[in-house]
Protein backbone atom coordinates (compact mmCIF):
# COMPACT_ATOMS: atom_id res chain seq x y z
CA MET A 1 0.00 0.00 0.00
CA ALA A 2 1.67 3.20 -1.22
CA PRO A 3 1.26 6.37 0.82
CA LYS A 4 -0.87 9.17 -0.59
CA PRO A 5 0.90 12.43 -1.45
CA ILE A 6 0.10 15.43 0.69
CA THR A 7 -2.17 17.85 -1.13
CA SER A 8 -3.57 21.23 -0.25
CA PRO A 9 -7.21 21.39 0.89
CA VAL A 10 -7.50 24.60 -1.18
CA PRO A 11 -6.95 24.48 -4.95
CA ASP A 12 -3.85 26.32 -6.16
CA ALA A 13 -5.91 28.51 -8.48
CA TRP A 14 -7.70 30.05 -5.48
CA TYR A 15 -4.53 31.37 -3.80
CA PRO A 16 -4.47 34.81 -5.48
CA THR A 17 -8.19 35.38 -4.93
CA LEU A 18 -8.04 34.31 -1.30
CA SER A 19 -5.03 36.52 -0.64
CA VAL A 20 -6.71 39.61 -2.12
CA PHE A 21 -9.98 39.09 -0.25
CA MET A 22 -8.39 38.19 3.08
CA LEU A 23 -5.92 41.08 2.95
CA ALA A 24 -8.72 43.48 2.00
CA ILE A 25 -10.90 42.30 4.89
CA GLY A 26 -7.94 42.46 7.27
CA LEU A 27 -7.05 46.00 6.20
CA PHE A 28 -10.69 47.07 6.53
CA VAL A 29 -10.93 45.67 10.07
CA THR A 30 -7.57 47.26 10.95
CA ALA A 31 -8.82 50.62 9.65
CA SER A 32 -12.01 50.31 11.70
CA PHE A 33 -9.87 49.52 14.76
CA PHE A 34 -7.78 52.66 14.26
CA ILE A 35 -10.88 54.79 13.69
CA TYR A 36 -12.43 53.36 16.86
CA GLU A 37 -9.28 54.15 18.85
CA ALA A 38 -9.00 57.68 17.47
CA THR A 39 -12.63 58.70 17.88
CA SER A 40 -13.62 57.16 21.22
CA SER A 41 -12.69 58.68 24.53
CA ARG A 42 -10.61 56.76 27.03
CA GLN A 43 -13.61 56.23 29.30
CA ASN A 44 -15.84 54.83 26.54
CA ARG A 45 -13.45 52.23 25.15
CA SER A 46 -14.20 48.54 25.56
CA LEU A 47 -11.30 46.14 26.08
CA ALA A 48 -13.32 43.21 24.73
CA LYS A 49 -14.14 45.07 21.51
CA GLU A 50 -10.48 46.05 21.07
CA LEU A 51 -9.26 42.49 21.59
CA ILE A 52 -11.85 40.95 19.29
CA THR A 53 -11.24 43.51 16.54
CA GLY A 54 -7.48 43.08 16.84
CA ALA A 55 -7.74 39.29 16.77
CA VAL A 56 -10.01 39.27 13.71
CA ALA A 57 -7.73 41.67 11.85
CA SER A 58 -4.69 39.61 12.81
CA VAL A 59 -6.23 36.35 11.57
CA PHE A 60 -7.31 37.81 8.24
CA LEU A 61 -3.98 39.58 7.65
CA GLY A 62 -2.06 36.45 8.64
CA PHE A 63 -3.93 34.11 6.33
CA GLY A 64 -3.96 36.73 3.59
CA SER A 65 -0.18 36.98 3.83
CA LEU A 66 0.11 33.20 3.79
CA PHE A 67 -1.96 32.91 0.62
CA LEU A 68 -0.01 35.77 -0.96
CA LEU A 69 3.23 33.90 -0.33
CA LEU A 70 1.71 30.69 -1.71
CA ALA A 71 0.37 32.50 -4.79
CA SER A 72 3.81 33.96 -5.52
CA GLY A 73 5.47 30.55 -5.29
CA VAL A 74 7.00 30.74 -1.79
CA TYR A 75 5.77 27.50 -0.26
CA VAL A 76 5.89 27.68 3.52
């Protein structure tokens, strides 16, 4: 019984599209985070909202960067 080769769960043709969409969403969430920080007073800020917004932006920017590297041929 020969072992199966390891394949990606995402087709290679989707890498550029996924990178563009994930980076766009990540940049949008990052921009909303900065706008929230700049426009709200120190007393009205919510730590939970800041952490959730930062985590969502981080995940989207991280996976967007990963798919950008994969789309450009840098296999990590």
